[in-house]
Amino acid sequence: MKSSFIGWAVFKRAFAPAFFGVALLFQPASAAECGQTAAGFENWLSDFRREAASAGVSQAAIDSALRGVSYDRAVISRDRSQGVFHQSLERFSGHLLSSWRISKAKALLQRHAALFRAVEQEYGVPGAVLVAIWGLETSFGADNGNFKIFDALATLAYDCRRSERFRAELMDALRIVERGDMSPAQMRGDWAGEIGQTQFLPSSYLKYAVDFDGDGRRDLLHDTADALASTANFLRANGWRRGAGWDEGEPNFPVLLEWNKARIYAETIALFADKLYGRVGGAN
């Protein structure tokens, strides 16, 4: 059962799309065909299938992933919603850093202590930072989202607002299926195509997902070890410095902005991690 405290996955689905950051919001639409209503979606999808085949995606992956894909008006509605990042940090973080979430995070740090130690040894990212992201994104994997990823990404790729960006994400989602990480039916997540316990877009899934427990699969949906290690891999690849601080003005704060361009969200990750790590005002 979900906690009564609003999770980040729920929060951003209610107040999208600001979490993508300013750069994404103002990207130009692709010069390729796009549409503002569902009327031309089927023709667009047929064209995209041919584009994917030309890009080297196997016909089997295309057929299995795009069969039955439909235009999702709920995704467009979420995409047009207003953001909340104009709020003060106190108000914004107050929605998210509930006593329940902090207590749950502390319990999980203890329960998975060996895993967090192993991940930090490999990637240099402390467990407090990882569990903060985990808790804010999906309430520790309890709310990964239930949108059909291919419906969501195809809808956004067809829509003229940010067509070019989401055509690329849709192509990468096909490649995830092709390399065997997930079946199309398993690919459910947030309305903008984010997948797993810490919410990776397909492009990030391809770049940073790791099989940390060695079971032969990069499973960010069900495998906590893979999800947390992949998050640490993302942070390290984007400049995380082992042993350095993460509050604003410290070396690792810009890396949190790579995770999410919204400064207030990065500040909330840092504040959450501080509470878990016992840091006050950026001091150890």
C-alpha atoms as a PDB file:
ATOM      1  CA  MET A   1       0.000   0.000   0.000  1.00  0.00           C
ATOM      2  CA  LYS A   2       1.243   3.479  -0.793  1.00  0.00           C
ATOM      3  CA  SER A   3       2.128   5.804   2.016  1.00  0.00           C
ATOM      4  CA  SER A   4      -0.234   8.703   2.477  1.00  0.00           C
ATOM      5  CA  PHE A   5       2.789  10.997   2.049  1.00  0.00           C
ATOM      6  CA  ILE A   6       3.165  12.167  -1.496  1.00  0.00           C
ATOM      7  CA  GLY A   7       6.158  10.658  -3.298  1.00  0.00           C
ATOM      8  CA  TRP A   8       8.289  12.396  -5.918  1.00  0.00           C
ATOM      9  CA  ALA A   9       6.930  10.162  -8.674  1.00  0.00           C
ATOM     10  CA  VAL A  10       3.403  11.191  -7.702  1.00  0.00           C
ATOM     11  CA  PHE A  11       4.473  14.801  -7.135  1.00  0.00           C
ATOM     12  CA  LYS A  12       6.044  15.248 -10.541  1.00  0.00           C
ATOM     13  CA  ARG A  13       3.213  13.477 -12.319  1.00  0.00           C
ATOM     14  CA  ALA A  14       0.872  15.988 -10.719  1.00  0.00           C
ATOM     15  CA  PHE A  15       3.027  19.049 -11.387  1.00  0.00           C
ATOM     16  CA  ALA A  16       4.980  18.230 -14.547  1.00  0.00           C
ATOM     17  CA  PRO A  17       6.929  19.078 -16.679  1.00  0.00           C
ATOM     18  CA  ALA A  18       9.486  21.199 -14.865  1.00  0.00           C
ATOM     19  CA  PHE A  19      11.671  18.298 -13.767  1.00  0.00           C
ATOM     20  CA  PHE A  20      13.142  18.023 -17.267  1.00  0.00           C
ATOM     21  CA  GLY A  21      14.864  21.380 -16.828  1.00  0.00           C
ATOM     22  CA  VAL A  22      14.791  24.565 -18.803  1.00  0.00           C
ATOM     23  CA  ALA A  23      16.953  23.284 -21.633  1.00  0.00           C
ATOM     24  CA  LEU A  24      14.573  20.460 -22.403  1.00  0.00           C
ATOM     25  CA  LEU A  25      11.448  22.572 -22.118  1.00  0.00           C
ATOM     26  CA  PHE A  26      12.634  24.914 -24.837  1.00  0.00           C
ATOM     27  CA  GLN A  27      14.119  22.454 -27.291  1.00  0.00           C
ATOM     28  CA  PRO A  28      12.734  23.026 -30.803  1.00  0.00           C
ATOM     29  CA  ALA A  29      10.385  20.449 -32.250  1.00  0.00           C
ATOM     30  CA  SER A  30      11.732  18.156 -34.919  1.00  0.00           C
ATOM     31  CA  ALA A  31      11.387  19.232 -38.518  1.00  0.00           C
ATOM     32  CA  ALA A  32       9.947  15.779 -39.173  1.00  0.00           C
ATOM     33  CA  GLU A  33       6.201  15.229 -39.218  1.00  0.00           C
ATOM     34  CA  CYS A  34       4.459  15.766 -35.907  1.00  0.00           C
ATOM     35  CA  GLY A  35       0.954  16.587 -34.744  1.00  0.00           C
ATOM     36  CA  GLN A  36      -1.109  18.324 -32.099  1.00  0.00           C
ATOM     37  CA  THR A  37      -3.991  15.839 -32.064  1.00  0.00           C
ATOM     38  CA  ALA A  38      -4.381  12.087 -32.408  1.00  0.00           C
ATOM     39  CA  ALA A  39      -5.549  12.391 -36.013  1.00  0.00           C
ATOM     40  CA  GLY A  40      -2.210  11.716 -37.681  1.00  0.00           C
ATOM     41  CA  PHE A  41      -0.688   9.438 -35.075  1.00  0.00           C
ATOM     42  CA  GLU A  42      -1.070   6.119 -36.907  1.00  0.00           C
ATOM     43  CA  ASN A  43       0.583   7.438 -40.054  1.00  0.00           C
ATOM     44  CA  TRP A  44       3.366   8.936 -37.974  1.00  0.00           C
ATOM     45  CA  LEU A  45       3.902   5.636 -36.195  1.00  0.00           C
ATOM     46  CA  SER A  46       4.181   3.790 -39.501  1.00  0.00           C
ATOM     47  CA  ASP A  47       6.848   6.249 -40.591  1.00  0.00           C
ATOM     48  CA  PHE A  48       8.674   5.812 -37.293  1.00  0.00           C
ATOM     49  CA  ARG A  49       8.684   2.028 -37.679  1.00  0.00           C
ATOM     50  CA  ARG A  50      10.478   2.444 -40.998  1.00  0.00           C
ATOM     51  CA  GLU A  51      12.888   4.939 -39.426  1.00  0.00           C
ATOM     52  CA  ALA A  52      13.723   2.474 -36.638  1.00  0.00           C
ATOM     53  CA  ALA A  53      14.388  -0.304 -39.144  1.00  0.00           C
ATOM     54  CA  SER A  54      16.658   2.016 -41.126  1.00  0.00           C
ATOM     55  CA  ALA A  55      18.516   2.792 -37.881  1.00  0.00           C
ATOM     56  CA  GLY A  56      19.307  -0.890 -37.460  1.00  0.00           C
ATOM     57  CA  VAL A  57      16.706  -1.936 -34.903  1.00  0.00           C
ATOM     58  CA  SER A  58      15.558  -5.486 -35.556  1.00  0.00           C
ATOM     59  CA  GLN A  59      12.108  -6.046 -37.002  1.00  0.00           C
ATOM     60  CA  ALA A  60      11.320  -8.402 -34.135  1.00  0.00           C
ATOM     61  CA  ALA A  61      11.977  -5.659 -31.561  1.00  0.00           C
ATOM     62  CA  ILE A  62       9.983  -3.106 -33.558  1.00  0.00           C
ATOM     63  CA  ASP A  63       7.009  -5.424 -33.969  1.00  0.00           C
ATOM     64  CA  SER A  64       6.916  -6.569 -30.350  1.00  0.00           C
ATOM     65  CA  ALA A  65       7.317  -3.069 -28.892  1.00  0.00           C
ATOM     66  CA  LEU A  66       5.129  -1.005 -31.216  1.00  0.00           C
ATOM     67  CA  ARG A  67       2.280  -3.431 -31.857  1.00  0.00           C
ATOM     68  CA  GLY A  68      -0.884  -1.884 -30.419  1.00  0.00           C
ATOM     69  CA  VAL A  69       0.783   1.379 -29.381  1.00  0.00           C
ATOM     70  CA  SER A  70      -1.728   4.205 -29.137  1.00  0.00           C
ATOM     71  CA  TYR A  71      -1.874   7.955 -28.578  1.00  0.00           C
ATOM     72  CA  ASP A  72      -2.273   8.706 -24.868  1.00  0.00           C
ATOM     73  CA  ARG A  73      -4.107  11.951 -24.138  1.00  0.00           C
ATOM     74  CA  ALA A  74      -3.314  11.607 -20.435  1.00  0.00           C
ATOM     75  CA  VAL A  75       0.386  11.953 -21.265  1.00  0.00           C
ATOM     76  CA  ILE A  76      -0.263  15.177 -23.174  1.00  0.00           C
ATOM     77  CA  SER A  77      -2.303  16.500 -20.271  1.00  0.00           C
ATOM     78  CA  ARG A  78       0.546  15.809 -17.851  1.00  0.00           C
ATOM     79  CA  ASP A  79       3.054  17.383 -20.220  1.00  0.00           C
ATOM     80  CA  ARG A  80       1.026  20.589 -20.332  1.00  0.00           C
ATOM     81  CA  SER A  81       0.703  20.870 -16.548  1.00  0.00           C
ATOM     82  CA  GLN A  82       2.439  23.641 -14.638  1.00  0.00           C
ATOM     83  CA  GLY A  83       5.639  23.098 -12.673  1.00  0.00           C
ATOM     84  CA  VAL A  84       6.177  23.865  -9.016  1.00  0.00           C
ATOM     85  CA  PHE A  85       9.842  24.790  -8.921  1.00  0.00           C
ATOM     86  CA  HIS A  86       9.135  28.457  -8.217  1.00  0.00           C
ATOM     87  CA  GLN A  87       8.372  27.488  -4.612  1.00  0.00           C
ATOM     88  CA  SER A  88      10.751  28.146  -1.756  1.00  0.00           C
ATOM     89  CA  LEU A  89      13.031  25.290  -0.747  1.00  0.00           C
ATOM     90  CA  GLU A  90      11.274  25.157   2.614  1.00  0.00           C
ATOM     91  CA  ARG A  91       7.869  24.657   1.028  1.00  0.00           C
ATOM     92  CA  PHE A  92       9.059  22.354  -1.762  1.00  0.00           C
ATOM     93  CA  SER A  93      11.113  20.089   0.474  1.00  0.00           C
ATOM     94  CA  GLY A  94       8.393  20.168   3.098  1.00  0.00           C
ATOM     95  CA  HIS A  95       6.107  18.281   0.715  1.00  0.00           C
ATOM     96  CA  LEU A  96       8.694  15.577   0.216  1.00  0.00           C
ATOM     97  CA  LEU A  97      10.870  15.229   3.318  1.00  0.00           C
ATOM     98  CA  SER A  98       8.205  13.898   5.608  1.00  0.00           C
ATOM     99  CA  SER A  99       9.032  12.191   8.875  1.00  0.00           C
ATOM    100  CA  TRP A 100       7.796   8.938   7.337  1.00  0.00           C
ATOM    101  CA  ARG A 101      10.147   9.218   4.374  1.00  0.00           C
ATOM    102  CA  ILE A 102      13.155  10.072   6.527  1.00  0.00           C
ATOM    103  CA  SER A 103      12.451   7.185   8.930  1.00  0.00           C
ATOM    104  CA  LYS A 104      11.968   4.786   6.037  1.00  0.00           C
ATOM    105  CA  ALA A 105      15.235   5.919   4.454  1.00  0.00           C
ATOM    106  CA  LYS A 106      17.148   5.352   7.685  1.00  0.00           C
ATOM    107  CA  ALA A 107      15.684   1.863   8.020  1.00  0.00           C
ATOM    108  CA  LEU A 108      16.626   1.002   4.443  1.00  0.00           C
ATOM    109  CA  LEU A 109      20.169   2.261   4.944  1.00  0.00           C
ATOM    110  CA  GLN A 110      20.496  -0.233   7.774  1.00  0.00           C
ATOM    111  CA  ARG A 111      18.718  -3.083   5.983  1.00  0.00           C
ATOM    112  CA  HIS A 112      20.862  -2.743   2.850  1.00  0.00           C
ATOM    113  CA  ALA A 113      24.059  -1.638   4.612  1.00  0.00           C
ATOM    114  CA  ALA A 114      26.219  -4.243   2.874  1.00  0.00           C
ATOM    115  CA  LEU A 115      24.861  -3.257  -0.538  1.00  0.00           C
ATOM    116  CA  PHE A 116      25.442   0.447   0.075  1.00  0.00           C
ATOM    117  CA  ARG A 117      29.002  -0.252   1.209  1.00  0.00           C
ATOM    118  CA  ALA A 118      29.682  -2.279  -1.935  1.00  0.00           C
ATOM    119  CA  VAL A 119      28.185   0.382  -4.200  1.00  0.00           C
ATOM    120  CA  GLU A 120      30.147   3.163  -2.517  1.00  0.00           C
ATOM    121  CA  GLN A 121      33.356   1.151  -2.799  1.00  0.00           C
ATOM    122  CA  GLU A 122      32.758   0.706  -6.534  1.00  0.00           C
ATOM    123  CA  TYR A 123      31.410   4.147  -7.488  1.00  0.00           C
ATOM    124  CA  GLY A 124      32.300   6.484  -4.623  1.00  0.00           C
ATOM    125  CA  VAL A 125      28.711   7.594  -3.957  1.00  0.00           C
ATOM    126  CA  PRO A 126      27.485   7.376  -0.322  1.00  0.00           C
ATOM    127  CA  GLY A 127      24.361   5.428   0.515  1.00  0.00           C
ATOM    128  CA  ALA A 128      22.702   8.543   1.955  1.00  0.00           C
ATOM    129  CA  VAL A 129      22.705  10.203  -1.458  1.00  0.00           C
ATOM    130  CA  LEU A 130      21.419   7.099  -3.232  1.00  0.00           C
ATOM    131  CA  VAL A 131      18.632   6.411  -0.761  1.00  0.00           C
ATOM    132  CA  ALA A 132      17.609  10.085  -0.930  1.00  0.00           C
ATOM    133  CA  ILE A 133      17.195   9.845  -4.703  1.00  0.00           C
ATOM    134  CA  TRP A 134      15.453   6.480  -4.365  1.00  0.00           C
ATOM    135  CA  GLY A 135      13.000   7.885  -1.844  1.00  0.00           C
ATOM    136  CA  LEU A 136      12.246  11.084  -3.729  1.00  0.00           C
ATOM    137  CA  GLU A 137      11.834   9.464  -7.124  1.00  0.00           C
ATOM    138  CA  THR A 138       9.556   6.519  -6.311  1.00  0.00           C
ATOM    139  CA  SER A 139       9.118   6.270  -2.536  1.00  0.00           C
ATOM    140  CA  PHE A 140      11.840   3.586  -2.482  1.00  0.00           C
ATOM    141  CA  GLY A 141      10.444   1.652  -5.427  1.00  0.00           C
ATOM    142  CA  ALA A 142       6.839   1.631  -4.222  1.00  0.00           C
ATOM    143  CA  ASP A 143       5.577   3.888  -7.025  1.00  0.00           C
ATOM    144  CA  ASN A 144       7.515   3.400 -10.262  1.00  0.00           C
ATOM    145  CA  GLY A 145       4.579   4.587 -12.370  1.00  0.00           C
ATOM    146  CA  ASN A 146       2.096   2.594 -14.426  1.00  0.00           C
ATOM    147  CA  PHE A 147       2.086   4.298 -17.819  1.00  0.00           C
ATOM    148  CA  LYS A 148       2.850   2.110 -20.825  1.00  0.00           C
ATOM    149  CA  ILE A 149       6.296   3.357 -21.786  1.00  0.00           C
ATOM    150  CA  PHE A 150       5.888   2.880 -25.519  1.00  0.00           C
ATOM    151  CA  ASP A 151       2.504   4.627 -25.577  1.00  0.00           C
ATOM    152  CA  ALA A 152       3.958   7.511 -23.566  1.00  0.00           C
ATOM    153  CA  LEU A 153       7.131   7.929 -25.585  1.00  0.00           C
ATOM    154  CA  ALA A 154       5.382   7.540 -28.946  1.00  0.00           C
ATOM    155  CA  THR A 155       2.812  10.150 -27.924  1.00  0.00           C
ATOM    156  CA  LEU A 156       5.500  12.639 -26.908  1.00  0.00           C
ATOM    157  CA  ALA A 157       7.614  11.853 -29.974  1.00  0.00           C
ATOM    158  CA  TYR A 158       4.629  12.537 -32.230  1.00  0.00           C
ATOM    159  CA  ASP A 159       3.607  15.691 -30.368  1.00  0.00           C
ATOM    160  CA  CYS A 160       5.202  18.791 -31.890  1.00  0.00           C
ATOM    161  CA  ARG A 161       6.299  20.308 -28.597  1.00  0.00           C
ATOM    162  CA  ARG A 162       9.453  18.225 -28.054  1.00  0.00           C
ATOM    163  CA  SER A 163       9.323  15.747 -30.887  1.00  0.00           C
ATOM    164  CA  GLU A 164      13.029  15.459 -31.603  1.00  0.00           C
ATOM    165  CA  ARG A 165      13.988  14.674 -28.011  1.00  0.00           C
ATOM    166  CA  PHE A 166      11.367  11.994 -27.577  1.00  0.00           C
ATOM    167  CA  ARG A 167      11.930  10.370 -30.971  1.00  0.00           C
ATOM    168  CA  ALA A 168      15.450   9.670 -29.692  1.00  0.00           C
ATOM    169  CA  GLU A 169      14.097   8.298 -26.388  1.00  0.00           C
ATOM    170  CA  LEU A 170      11.605   6.093 -28.230  1.00  0.00           C
ATOM    171  CA  MET A 171      14.405   4.721 -30.398  1.00  0.00           C
ATOM    172  CA  ASP A 172      16.458   3.972 -27.293  1.00  0.00           C
ATOM    173  CA  ALA A 173      13.474   2.225 -25.684  1.00  0.00           C
ATOM    174  CA  LEU A 174      13.393  -0.099 -28.701  1.00  0.00           C
ATOM    175  CA  ARG A 175      17.084  -0.827 -28.177  1.00  0.00           C
ATOM    176  CA  ILE A 176      16.407  -1.763 -24.539  1.00  0.00           C
ATOM    177  CA  VAL A 177      13.936  -4.379 -25.786  1.00  0.00           C
ATOM    178  CA  GLU A 178      16.338  -5.519 -28.483  1.00  0.00           C
ATOM    179  CA  ARG A 179      19.208  -6.139 -26.077  1.00  0.00           C
ATOM    180  CA  GLY A 180      16.899  -8.108 -23.777  1.00  0.00           C
ATOM    181  CA  ASP A 181      16.777  -6.002 -20.634  1.00  0.00           C
ATOM    182  CA  MET A 182      12.975  -5.875 -20.564  1.00  0.00           C
ATOM    183  CA  SER A 183      10.012  -6.994 -22.613  1.00  0.00           C
ATOM    184  CA  PRO A 184       7.602  -4.321 -23.892  1.00  0.00           C
ATOM    185  CA  ALA A 185       4.975  -5.521 -21.402  1.00  0.00           C
ATOM    186  CA  GLN A 186       7.397  -4.971 -18.525  1.00  0.00           C
ATOM    187  CA  MET A 187       8.159  -1.423 -19.608  1.00  0.00           C
ATOM    188  CA  ARG A 188       5.820   0.596 -17.441  1.00  0.00           C
ATOM    189  CA  GLY A 189       6.801   3.781 -15.670  1.00  0.00           C
ATOM    190  CA  ASP A 190       6.225   7.505 -15.503  1.00  0.00           C
ATOM    191  CA  TRP A 191       4.293   9.524 -18.071  1.00  0.00           C
ATOM    192  CA  ALA A 192       7.466  10.854 -19.729  1.00  0.00           C
ATOM    193  CA  GLY A 193       8.957   7.417 -20.287  1.00  0.00           C
ATOM    194  CA  GLU A 194      11.043   7.092 -17.121  1.00  0.00           C
ATOM    195  CA  ILE A 195      11.649   3.568 -15.939  1.00  0.00           C
ATOM    196  CA  GLY A 196      12.599   1.859 -12.708  1.00  0.00           C
ATOM    197  CA  GLN A 197      13.097   2.532  -9.035  1.00  0.00           C
ATOM    198  CA  THR A 198      15.105   5.707  -9.637  1.00  0.00           C
ATOM    199  CA  GLN A 199      13.420   6.681 -12.917  1.00  0.00           C
ATOM    200  CA  PHE A 200      15.838   6.452 -15.850  1.00  0.00           C
ATOM    201  CA  LEU A 201      14.891   7.704 -19.287  1.00  0.00           C
ATOM    202  CA  PRO A 202      15.735   5.071 -21.934  1.00  0.00           C
ATOM    203  CA  SER A 203      18.850   6.950 -23.080  1.00  0.00           C
ATOM    204  CA  SER A 204      20.213   6.878 -19.523  1.00  0.00           C
ATOM    205  CA  TYR A 205      19.155   3.257 -19.106  1.00  0.00           C
ATOM    206  CA  LEU A 206      21.281   2.296 -22.101  1.00  0.00           C
ATOM    207  CA  LYS A 207      24.280   4.327 -20.914  1.00  0.00           C
ATOM    208  CA  TYR A 208      24.326   3.685 -17.188  1.00  0.00           C
ATOM    209  CA  ALA A 209      22.316   0.576 -16.224  1.00  0.00           C
ATOM    210  CA  VAL A 210      24.519  -2.094 -14.654  1.00  0.00           C
ATOM    211  CA  ASP A 211      24.040  -5.687 -13.550  1.00  0.00           C
ATOM    212  CA  PHE A 212      25.440  -5.188 -10.064  1.00  0.00           C
ATOM    213  CA  ASP A 213      24.307  -8.496  -8.562  1.00  0.00           C
ATOM    214  CA  GLY A 214      25.627 -10.529 -11.494  1.00  0.00           C
ATOM    215  CA  ASP A 215      22.413 -12.325 -12.377  1.00  0.00           C
ATOM    216  CA  GLY A 216      22.835 -11.576 -16.083  1.00  0.00           C
ATOM    217  CA  ARG A 217      20.215  -8.815 -16.324  1.00  0.00           C
ATOM    218  CA  ARG A 218      20.184  -5.034 -15.873  1.00  0.00           C
ATOM    219  CA  ASP A 219      16.882  -4.856 -14.022  1.00  0.00           C
ATOM    220  CA  LEU A 220      16.108  -1.403 -12.676  1.00  0.00           C
ATOM    221  CA  LEU A 221      12.463  -2.266 -12.031  1.00  0.00           C
ATOM    222  CA  HIS A 222      12.672  -5.154  -9.577  1.00  0.00           C
ATOM    223  CA  ASP A 223      16.327  -5.431  -8.606  1.00  0.00           C
ATOM    224  CA  THR A 224      17.266  -2.947  -5.901  1.00  0.00           C
ATOM    225  CA  ALA A 225      20.991  -3.643  -6.262  1.00  0.00           C
ATOM    226  CA  ASP A 226      20.920  -2.916  -9.992  1.00  0.00           C
ATOM    227  CA  ALA A 227      18.782   0.201  -9.530  1.00  0.00           C
ATOM    228  CA  LEU A 228      20.980   1.774  -6.853  1.00  0.00           C
ATOM    229  CA  ALA A 229      24.286   0.829  -8.480  1.00  0.00           C
ATOM    230  CA  SER A 230      23.063   2.202 -11.814  1.00  0.00           C
ATOM    231  CA  THR A 231      22.174   5.471 -10.100  1.00  0.00           C
ATOM    232  CA  ALA A 232      25.654   5.613  -8.609  1.00  0.00           C
ATOM    233  CA  ASN A 233      27.120   4.819 -12.030  1.00  0.00           C
ATOM    234  CA  PHE A 234      25.205   7.757 -13.517  1.00  0.00           C
ATOM    235  CA  LEU A 235      26.518  10.105 -10.834  1.00  0.00           C
ATOM    236  CA  ARG A 236      30.120   8.928 -11.169  1.00  0.00           C
ATOM    237  CA  ALA A 237      29.990   9.199 -14.963  1.00  0.00           C
ATOM    238  CA  ASN A 238      28.759  12.771 -14.600  1.00  0.00           C
ATOM    239  CA  GLY A 239      31.631  13.848 -12.362  1.00  0.00           C
ATOM    240  CA  TRP A 240      30.932  12.643  -8.812  1.00  0.00           C
ATOM    241  CA  ARG A 241      34.018  13.086  -6.624  1.00  0.00           C
ATOM    242  CA  ARG A 242      34.568  10.414  -3.991  1.00  0.00           C
ATOM    243  CA  GLY A 243      34.620  11.890  -0.484  1.00  0.00           C
ATOM    244  CA  ALA A 244      33.511  15.389  -1.537  1.00  0.00           C
ATOM    245  CA  GLY A 245      30.404  17.229  -0.315  1.00  0.00           C
ATOM    246  CA  TRP A 246      27.124  17.548  -2.187  1.00  0.00           C
ATOM    247  CA  ASP A 247      25.496  20.696  -0.790  1.00  0.00           C
ATOM    248  CA  GLU A 248      25.275  23.812  -2.931  1.00  0.00           C
ATOM    249  CA  GLY A 249      28.754  25.275  -3.334  1.00  0.00           C
ATOM    250  CA  GLU A 250      30.435  21.899  -2.808  1.00  0.00           C
ATOM    251  CA  PRO A 251      32.036  19.804  -5.580  1.00  0.00           C
ATOM    252  CA  ASN A 252      29.244  17.277  -6.063  1.00  0.00           C
ATOM    253  CA  PHE A 253      26.276  19.646  -6.172  1.00  0.00           C
ATOM    254  CA  PRO A 254      26.686  20.186  -9.952  1.00  0.00           C
ATOM    255  CA  VAL A 255      26.415  16.411 -10.355  1.00  0.00           C
ATOM    256  CA  LEU A 256      23.028  16.450  -8.612  1.00  0.00           C
ATOM    257  CA  LEU A 257      22.007  19.063 -11.192  1.00  0.00           C
ATOM    258  CA  GLU A 258      22.948  16.557 -13.876  1.00  0.00           C
ATOM    259  CA  TRP A 259      20.500  14.159 -12.266  1.00  0.00           C
ATOM    260  CA  ASN A 260      17.801  16.836 -12.334  1.00  0.00           C
ATOM    261  CA  LYS A 261      18.259  20.323 -13.786  1.00  0.00           C
ATOM    262  CA  ALA A 262      15.830  21.912 -11.333  1.00  0.00           C
ATOM    263  CA  ARG A 263      17.996  23.513  -8.645  1.00  0.00           C
ATOM    264  CA  ILE A 264      15.336  23.224  -5.956  1.00  0.00           C
ATOM    265  CA  TYR A 265      15.103  19.487  -6.546  1.00  0.00           C
ATOM    266  CA  ALA A 266      18.884  19.060  -6.382  1.00  0.00           C
ATOM    267  CA  GLU A 267      18.853  21.073  -3.149  1.00  0.00           C
ATOM    268  CA  THR A 268      16.160  18.745  -1.785  1.00  0.00           C
ATOM    269  CA  ILE A 269      18.242  15.666  -2.616  1.00  0.00           C
ATOM    270  CA  ALA A 270      21.188  17.287  -0.814  1.00  0.00           C
ATOM    271  CA  LEU A 271      19.068  18.225   2.208  1.00  0.00           C
ATOM    272  CA  PHE A 272      17.616  14.722   2.441  1.00  0.00           C
ATOM    273  CA  ALA A 273      21.078  13.160   2.242  1.00  0.00           C
ATOM    274  CA  ASP A 274      22.344  15.604   4.895  1.00  0.00           C
ATOM    275  CA  LYS A 275      19.609  14.491   7.290  1.00  0.00           C
ATOM    276  CA  LEU A 276      20.532  10.851   6.719  1.00  0.00           C
ATOM    277  CA  TYR A 277      24.292  11.342   6.839  1.00  0.00           C
ATOM    278  CA  GLY A 278      24.313  13.631   9.870  1.00  0.00           C
ATOM    279  CA  ARG A 279      25.622  16.643   7.989  1.00  0.00           C
ATOM    280  CA  VAL A 280      24.474  20.096   9.103  1.00  0.00           C
ATOM    281  CA  GLY A 281      24.857  23.099   6.815  1.00  0.00           C
ATOM    282  CA  GLY A 282      27.244  21.235   4.518  1.00  0.00           C
ATOM    283  CA  ALA A 283      29.693  20.263   7.296  1.00  0.00           C
ATOM    284  CA  ASN A 284      30.659  16.709   8.174  1.00  0.00           C
END
